[in-house]
Protein backbone atom coordinates (compact mmCIF):
# COMPACT_ATOMS: atom_id res chain seq x y z
CA MET A 1 -8.06 35.22 21.22
CA ASP A 2 -5.79 36.29 18.25
CA ALA A 3 -6.41 37.18 14.96
CA LYS A 4 -5.82 33.99 13.05
CA ARG A 5 -7.69 31.60 16.19
CA GLU A 6 -10.55 34.90 15.11
CA ARG A 7 -10.74 34.77 12.01
CA LEU A 8 -11.01 30.69 11.99
CA LEU A 9 -13.93 31.15 14.66
CA THR A 10 -15.68 33.06 12.07
CA LEU A 11 -15.42 31.05 8.84
CA LEU A 12 -16.90 27.87 11.53
CA ARG A 13 -19.51 29.88 12.54
CA GLU A 14 -20.32 30.59 9.02
CA LYS A 15 -19.81 27.86 7.38
CA SER A 16 -19.98 24.81 9.24
CA TYR A 17 -21.81 25.79 12.35
CA GLN A 18 -26.05 24.34 11.67
CA ARG A 19 -28.16 24.70 14.78
CA ARG A 20 -32.19 23.69 14.39
CA THR A 21 -34.73 25.04 17.17
CA GLU A 22 -37.15 22.15 16.05
CA PRO A 23 -37.33 18.90 15.22
CA PRO A 24 -36.15 17.10 12.42
CA PHE A 25 -32.72 17.39 14.51
CA PHE A 26 -29.35 15.82 12.90
CA ARG A 27 -28.87 12.58 12.87
CA LEU A 28 -24.79 12.16 13.82
CA ALA A 29 -22.57 9.68 13.49
CA SER A 30 -23.07 8.06 16.99
CA GLY A 31 -26.43 7.98 16.14
CA LYS A 32 -28.01 10.23 18.55
CA GLU A 33 -29.72 13.06 17.23
CA SER A 34 -28.46 16.12 18.55
CA PRO A 35 -30.05 20.36 17.33
CA PHE A 36 -26.35 21.08 16.70
CA TYR A 37 -24.15 19.96 13.44
CA ILE A 38 -20.58 20.57 12.92
CA ASN A 39 -19.34 19.86 9.52
CA CYS A 40 -16.12 21.36 9.04
CA ARG A 41 -15.50 20.15 5.60
CA PRO A 42 -16.69 23.83 3.98
CA VAL A 43 -13.66 25.07 5.79
CA THR A 44 -11.23 22.07 6.23
CA PHE A 45 -11.14 21.97 2.26
CA SER A 46 -10.96 25.88 1.93
CA ALA A 47 -7.60 27.62 1.15
CA GLU A 48 -8.52 30.66 3.65
CA GLY A 49 -8.75 27.53 6.57
CA LEU A 50 -6.32 25.16 5.08
CA ALA A 51 -3.70 28.09 6.06
CA LEU A 52 -5.51 29.13 9.22
CA ILE A 53 -5.36 25.04 10.46
CA GLY A 54 -2.29 24.55 9.55
CA GLU A 55 -0.64 27.83 10.87
CA ILE A 56 -2.75 27.38 14.37
CA VAL A 57 -2.26 23.68 15.06
CA PHE A 58 1.43 24.05 14.36
CA GLU A 59 1.92 26.64 16.54
CA MET A 60 0.46 23.40 18.97
CA VAL A 61 2.83 21.06 18.20
CA GLN A 62 6.16 22.98 17.07
CA ASP A 63 7.90 22.20 20.28
CA LEU A 64 6.54 18.56 20.72
CA PRO A 65 8.85 16.03 20.41
CA ILE A 66 6.89 14.25 17.31
CA THR A 67 7.60 13.77 12.95
CA ALA A 68 4.04 13.46 11.80
CA VAL A 69 0.65 14.50 12.64
CA GLY A 70 -2.63 12.74 10.93
CA GLY A 71 -5.86 10.81 11.66
CA LEU A 72 -8.54 9.08 10.63
CA THR A 73 -9.71 9.67 7.21
CA MET A 74 -11.21 12.02 5.95
CA GLY A 75 -11.78 14.09 8.85
CA ALA A 76 -8.20 14.69 9.87
CA ASP A 77 -6.44 14.59 6.17
CA PRO A 78 -7.10 18.20 5.20
CA LEU A 79 -5.85 19.24 8.57
CA SER A 80 -2.91 16.77 9.08
CA HIS A 81 -1.53 18.17 5.25
CA ALA A 82 -2.51 22.13 5.77
CA VAL A 83 -0.15 21.07 9.29
CA ALA A 84 2.19 19.44 7.04
CA LEU A 85 2.93 22.28 4.49
CA ILE A 86 3.08 24.88 7.27
CA SER A 87 5.62 22.92 8.99
CA PHE A 88 7.92 22.63 6.47
CA LEU A 89 7.24 26.48 5.06
CA LYS A 90 8.62 27.57 8.83
CA GLY A 91 11.64 25.17 8.70
CA ARG A 92 10.29 22.21 11.31
CA PRO A 93 9.35 19.91 8.94
CA LEU A 94 6.52 16.85 9.77
CA GLN A 95 5.25 14.57 7.82
CA SER A 96 1.34 13.34 7.56
CA PHE A 97 -0.54 10.43 7.93
CA SER A 98 -3.90 8.77 6.86
CA VAL A 99 -5.78 6.03 8.99
CA ARG A 100 -8.02 4.42 6.66
CA LYS A 101 -11.03 3.08 8.03
CA MET A 102 -10.50 -0.45 7.25
CA VAL A 103 -7.62 -1.96 6.57
CA LYS A 104 -7.19 -2.19 2.67
CA GLU A 105 -6.69 -5.87 1.36
CA TYR A 106 -4.61 -5.15 -1.70
CA GLY A 107 -0.49 -3.78 -2.80
CA THR A 108 1.26 -3.11 0.65
CA GLY A 109 -2.26 -3.10 3.05
CA GLY A 110 -2.29 -1.89 5.93
CA GLN A 111 -4.41 0.88 7.62
CA VAL A 112 -1.97 3.30 8.00
CA ALA A 113 -0.63 5.52 4.95
CA GLY A 114 2.10 8.59 4.92
CA ALA A 115 5.06 9.54 5.56
CA VAL A 116 5.49 7.85 9.03
CA THR A 117 7.85 4.05 10.30
CA THR A 118 7.21 2.35 12.96
CA GLY A 119 8.38 4.02 16.85
CA ASP A 120 7.48 7.60 15.22
CA PRO A 121 5.85 10.50 18.13
CA VAL A 122 3.17 11.65 16.36
CA VAL A 123 -0.13 13.54 17.24
CA VAL A 124 -3.39 12.91 15.99
CA LEU A 125 -5.82 14.90 14.93
CA GLU A 126 -9.31 15.49 14.36
CA ASP A 127 -11.71 17.46 13.28
CA VAL A 128 -15.19 17.24 15.36
CA VAL A 129 -14.60 15.04 18.47
CA THR A 130 -18.24 13.96 20.21
CA THR A 131 -18.17 10.78 21.61
CA GLY A 132 -14.19 10.16 20.92
CA GLY A 133 -14.89 7.27 18.59
CA SER A 134 -13.36 8.19 15.84
CA THR A 135 -10.52 8.92 17.24
CA LEU A 136 -9.70 6.49 19.45
CA GLN A 137 -10.13 4.27 16.09
CA ALA A 138 -7.43 6.41 14.84
CA VAL A 139 -5.34 6.15 17.65
CA ALA A 140 -5.44 2.51 18.62
CA ALA A 141 -4.78 1.87 14.79
CA ALA A 142 -1.71 4.49 15.01
CA ARG A 143 -0.39 2.21 17.89
CA ASP A 144 -0.84 -1.06 15.98
CA PHE A 145 0.98 0.51 13.27
CA GLY A 146 4.24 1.17 16.24
CA LEU A 147 3.34 5.01 16.51
CA GLN A 148 4.30 6.43 19.95
CA VAL A 149 0.66 8.60 20.27
CA LEU A 150 1.55 11.64 22.06
CA LYS A 151 -1.25 14.31 22.06
CA VAL A 152 -4.65 14.42 20.33
CA ILE A 153 -5.58 17.39 19.18
CA ALA A 154 -9.34 18.64 17.63
CA LEU A 155 -10.60 21.01 15.84
CA VAL A 156 -13.47 21.36 17.62
CA ASP A 157 -15.17 19.63 20.61
CA ARG A 158 -18.86 19.40 20.53
CA GLN A 159 -18.66 18.83 24.75
CA GLU A 160 -20.63 15.47 24.62
CA GLY A 161 -18.05 13.31 26.55
CA GLY A 162 -15.49 12.84 23.41
CA ARG A 163 -12.78 14.60 25.29
CA GLU A 164 -13.06 12.68 28.86
CA ASN A 165 -13.41 9.13 26.81
CA ILE A 166 -9.86 10.44 24.47
CA MET A 167 -8.59 11.32 27.82
CA ALA A 168 -8.40 7.83 29.85
CA VAL A 169 -6.55 6.50 26.50
CA ILE A 170 -4.33 9.96 25.47
CA PRO A 171 -4.15 12.21 28.54
CA ASP A 172 -2.87 14.89 26.31
CA PHE A 173 -5.73 16.32 24.65
CA GLN A 174 -6.63 19.87 22.79
CA ALA A 175 -9.57 21.38 21.09
CA VAL A 176 -8.32 24.52 19.61
CA PHE A 177 -12.56 25.18 19.47
CA THR A 178 -15.42 24.28 21.47
CA LEU A 179 -19.28 23.66 20.80
CA ALA A 180 -19.61 26.93 22.77
CA ASP A 181 -17.39 28.92 21.21
CA LEU A 182 -19.11 28.29 18.11
CA SER A 183 -22.83 28.96 19.33
CA GLY A 184 -21.46 32.08 21.11
CA GLY A 185 -22.18 35.53 19.60
CA PRO A 186 -24.77 36.37 16.87
CA LEU A 187 -25.15 33.05 15.62
CA ALA A 188 -26.29 31.59 18.73
């Protein structure tokens, strides 16, 4: 593993990964309870985390024929902004976009916001994938807007069926890390 990934993994282990050995366990967005919880925001909202995520994810998408990256607000917003910034600095500018959880009923309306137009090829980003429901919501909204979703990238795959659910719709799915990566080593 290269130094950037190693450092990002260390940050996620230290600031985002939590484990409880006894109840009460964590309630997930899916409604399930789990002894593990991954809150990426302490890392995705930090200066170092943003720099690392931007570099790593940009390396994953730089050769794809895409014009933008984005996903469901609020988890994907810092990821897409980091990638857009790094892409500009590296001379291969990619735009970013956000998918609102609900359609905006005022102004110009809509569910997709950002520097994208109908027909743009994009990558959908997600901070944590559990069942894939939020990711698939973002994919559906992006497609409804007219975007061509070529790939999905998650910062962390909890390895609870989300990968398979997403790949049934978007076959090109990749995670930077898995739950096994976060729970491995001295923090397990």
